Amino acid sequence: MASINVNGKKFELDEDGFMVDPEQWTEEVAQYFAPGEGINQLTEDHWKVINYVRNYYKQFQIAPMVRKLCKETGNSLKNIYELFPTGPAKGSCKLAGLPKPTGCV
């Protein structure tokens, strides 16, 4: 199993590069993953989405549907794709330290 080292802490990843244990997530992990997802700098808008996705996952044990993500964060689908160029589900979940979303290619 693959792993990354962020600020001296080791994090296990699955075969697709997503964190195995979402409870280990830190903001530094999100910053580590950002460049690989086409994001140069995490903005307040990124953090709003990341925190929403994490909170939703904690409550329902699944990532939110993209439509719900847009509605609840006040972002258009176009804006979500601008924030997360690799895709709203893949990018936001990876940065939020969640497992790869179902149906995500």
C-alpha atoms as a PDB file:
ATOM      1  CA  MET A   1       0.000   0.000   0.000  1.00  0.00           C
ATOM      2  CA  ALA A   2       1.269   3.444  -0.882  1.00  0.00           C
ATOM      3  CA  SER A   3       1.805   6.203   1.639  1.00  0.00           C
ATOM      4  CA  ILE A   4       2.801   9.850   1.824  1.00  0.00           C
ATOM      5  CA  ASN A   5       4.765  11.721   4.437  1.00  0.00           C
ATOM      6  CA  VAL A   6       3.486  15.181   5.357  1.00  0.00           C
ATOM      7  CA  ASN A   7       5.287  17.156   8.060  1.00  0.00           C
ATOM      8  CA  GLY A   8       6.800  13.983   9.500  1.00  0.00           C
ATOM      9  CA  LYS A   9       3.477  12.067   9.634  1.00  0.00           C
ATOM     10  CA  LYS A  10       2.811   9.029   7.470  1.00  0.00           C
ATOM     11  CA  PHE A  11      -0.573   8.655   5.742  1.00  0.00           C
ATOM     12  CA  GLU A  12      -1.678   5.437   4.021  1.00  0.00           C
ATOM     13  CA  LEU A  13      -3.215   5.740   0.552  1.00  0.00           C
ATOM     14  CA  ASP A  14      -5.314   3.352  -1.503  1.00  0.00           C
ATOM     15  CA  GLU A  15      -4.389   2.264  -5.036  1.00  0.00           C
ATOM     16  CA  ASP A  16      -5.953   5.459  -6.444  1.00  0.00           C
ATOM     17  CA  GLY A  17      -4.065   7.812  -4.106  1.00  0.00           C
ATOM     18  CA  PHE A  18      -6.961   8.547  -1.736  1.00  0.00           C
ATOM     19  CA  MET A  19      -6.480   8.438   2.027  1.00  0.00           C
ATOM     20  CA  VAL A  20      -7.386   5.137   3.675  1.00  0.00           C
ATOM     21  CA  ASP A  21      -8.343   6.684   7.032  1.00  0.00           C
ATOM     22  CA  PRO A  22     -10.242   9.994   6.774  1.00  0.00           C
ATOM     23  CA  GLU A  23      -9.830  10.516  10.533  1.00  0.00           C
ATOM     24  CA  GLN A  24      -6.087  11.108  10.040  1.00  0.00           C
ATOM     25  CA  TRP A  25      -6.695  14.025   7.659  1.00  0.00           C
ATOM     26  CA  THR A  26      -5.130  17.411   8.338  1.00  0.00           C
ATOM     27  CA  GLU A  27      -5.224  20.687   6.408  1.00  0.00           C
ATOM     28  CA  GLU A  28      -1.583  20.062   5.516  1.00  0.00           C
ATOM     29  CA  VAL A  29      -2.645  16.885   3.685  1.00  0.00           C
ATOM     30  CA  ALA A  30      -5.060  18.953   1.575  1.00  0.00           C
ATOM     31  CA  GLN A  31      -2.254  21.365   0.775  1.00  0.00           C
ATOM     32  CA  TYR A  32       0.000  18.423  -0.158  1.00  0.00           C
ATOM     33  CA  PHE A  33      -2.593  17.011  -2.598  1.00  0.00           C
ATOM     34  CA  ALA A  34      -3.603  20.374  -4.133  1.00  0.00           C
ATOM     35  CA  PRO A  35      -0.856  20.695  -6.807  1.00  0.00           C
ATOM     36  CA  GLY A  36      -1.556  17.162  -8.052  1.00  0.00           C
ATOM     37  CA  GLU A  37      -5.191  18.163  -8.526  1.00  0.00           C
ATOM     38  CA  GLY A  38      -4.286  21.252 -10.566  1.00  0.00           C
ATOM     39  CA  ILE A  39      -4.692  23.709  -7.689  1.00  0.00           C
ATOM     40  CA  ASN A  40      -1.877  26.186  -7.054  1.00  0.00           C
ATOM     41  CA  GLN A  41      -3.273  27.688  -3.865  1.00  0.00           C
ATOM     42  CA  LEU A  42      -6.220  26.731  -1.678  1.00  0.00           C
ATOM     43  CA  THR A  43      -8.591  29.679  -1.304  1.00  0.00           C
ATOM     44  CA  GLU A  44     -11.450  30.337   1.092  1.00  0.00           C
ATOM     45  CA  ASP A  45     -13.793  28.922  -1.587  1.00  0.00           C
ATOM     46  CA  HIS A  46     -11.782  25.677  -1.704  1.00  0.00           C
ATOM     47  CA  TRP A  47     -11.892  25.335   2.078  1.00  0.00           C
ATOM     48  CA  LYS A  48     -15.656  25.959   2.112  1.00  0.00           C
ATOM     49  CA  VAL A  49     -16.151  23.020  -0.261  1.00  0.00           C
ATOM     50  CA  ILE A  50     -13.579  20.794   1.479  1.00  0.00           C
ATOM     51  CA  ASN A  51     -15.132  21.385   4.900  1.00  0.00           C
ATOM     52  CA  TYR A  52     -18.656  20.851   3.564  1.00  0.00           C
ATOM     53  CA  VAL A  53     -17.631  17.544   1.947  1.00  0.00           C
ATOM     54  CA  ARG A  54     -15.899  16.386   5.149  1.00  0.00           C
ATOM     55  CA  ASN A  55     -18.879  17.280   7.340  1.00  0.00           C
ATOM     56  CA  TYR A  56     -21.328  15.605   4.963  1.00  0.00           C
ATOM     57  CA  TYR A  57     -19.186  12.468   4.915  1.00  0.00           C
ATOM     58  CA  LYS A  58     -18.987  12.397   8.717  1.00  0.00           C
ATOM     59  CA  GLN A  59     -22.769  12.543   8.914  1.00  0.00           C
ATOM     60  CA  PHE A  60     -23.734  10.159   6.082  1.00  0.00           C
ATOM     61  CA  GLN A  61     -20.564   8.084   5.404  1.00  0.00           C
ATOM     62  CA  ILE A  62     -20.763   9.006   1.712  1.00  0.00           C
ATOM     63  CA  ALA A  63     -19.689  12.002  -0.359  1.00  0.00           C
ATOM     64  CA  PRO A  64     -22.479  14.392  -1.373  1.00  0.00           C
ATOM     65  CA  MET A  65     -23.904  14.378  -4.884  1.00  0.00           C
ATOM     66  CA  VAL A  66     -22.431  17.172  -6.996  1.00  0.00           C
ATOM     67  CA  ARG A  67     -25.817  18.877  -7.313  1.00  0.00           C
ATOM     68  CA  LYS A  68     -26.158  19.024  -3.509  1.00  0.00           C
ATOM     69  CA  LEU A  69     -22.551  20.198  -3.173  1.00  0.00           C
ATOM     70  CA  CYS A  70     -23.252  23.109  -5.524  1.00  0.00           C
ATOM     71  CA  LYS A  71     -26.510  24.063  -3.818  1.00  0.00           C
ATOM     72  CA  GLU A  72     -25.192  23.857  -0.250  1.00  0.00           C
ATOM     73  CA  THR A  73     -21.950  25.744  -0.927  1.00  0.00           C
ATOM     74  CA  GLY A  74     -23.514  28.368  -3.190  1.00  0.00           C
ATOM     75  CA  ASN A  75     -21.282  27.461  -6.135  1.00  0.00           C
ATOM     76  CA  SER A  76     -22.310  26.874  -9.724  1.00  0.00           C
ATOM     77  CA  LEU A  77     -21.183  23.648 -11.354  1.00  0.00           C
ATOM     78  CA  LYS A  78     -18.861  25.710 -13.540  1.00  0.00           C
ATOM     79  CA  ASN A  79     -17.277  27.295 -10.462  1.00  0.00           C
ATOM     80  CA  ILE A  80     -16.827  23.903  -8.767  1.00  0.00           C
ATOM     81  CA  TYR A  81     -14.966  22.665 -11.860  1.00  0.00           C
ATOM     82  CA  GLU A  82     -12.813  25.795 -11.777  1.00  0.00           C
ATOM     83  CA  LEU A  83     -12.012  25.158  -8.117  1.00  0.00           C
ATOM     84  CA  PHE A  84     -11.353  21.429  -8.663  1.00  0.00           C
ATOM     85  CA  PRO A  85     -10.084  20.955 -12.248  1.00  0.00           C
ATOM     86  CA  THR A  86      -9.827  17.154 -11.944  1.00  0.00           C
ATOM     87  CA  GLY A  87     -13.554  17.039 -11.184  1.00  0.00           C
ATOM     88  CA  PRO A  88     -15.756  18.056  -8.282  1.00  0.00           C
ATOM     89  CA  ALA A  89     -16.093  14.596  -6.765  1.00  0.00           C
ATOM     90  CA  LYS A  90     -12.526  13.376  -7.244  1.00  0.00           C
ATOM     91  CA  GLY A  91     -10.792  16.640  -6.428  1.00  0.00           C
ATOM     92  CA  SER A  92     -12.833  17.716  -3.437  1.00  0.00           C
ATOM     93  CA  CYS A  93     -12.888  14.240  -1.881  1.00  0.00           C
ATOM     94  CA  LYS A  94      -9.168  13.717  -2.338  1.00  0.00           C
ATOM     95  CA  LEU A  95      -8.333  17.063  -0.754  1.00  0.00           C
ATOM     96  CA  ALA A  96     -10.841  16.384   2.035  1.00  0.00           C
ATOM     97  CA  GLY A  97      -9.088  13.101   2.845  1.00  0.00           C
ATOM     98  CA  LEU A  98     -12.094  10.951   1.954  1.00  0.00           C
ATOM     99  CA  PRO A  99     -12.235   7.636   0.099  1.00  0.00           C
ATOM    100  CA  LYS A 100     -12.626   7.683  -3.672  1.00  0.00           C
ATOM    101  CA  PRO A 101     -16.287   8.423  -4.409  1.00  0.00           C
ATOM    102  CA  THR A 102     -18.447   5.656  -5.861  1.00  0.00           C
ATOM    103  CA  GLY A 103     -18.758   5.994  -9.616  1.00  0.00           C
ATOM    104  CA  CYS A 104     -15.637   8.161  -9.840  1.00  0.00           C
ATOM    105  CA  VAL A 105     -13.438   7.098 -12.745  1.00  0.00           C
END
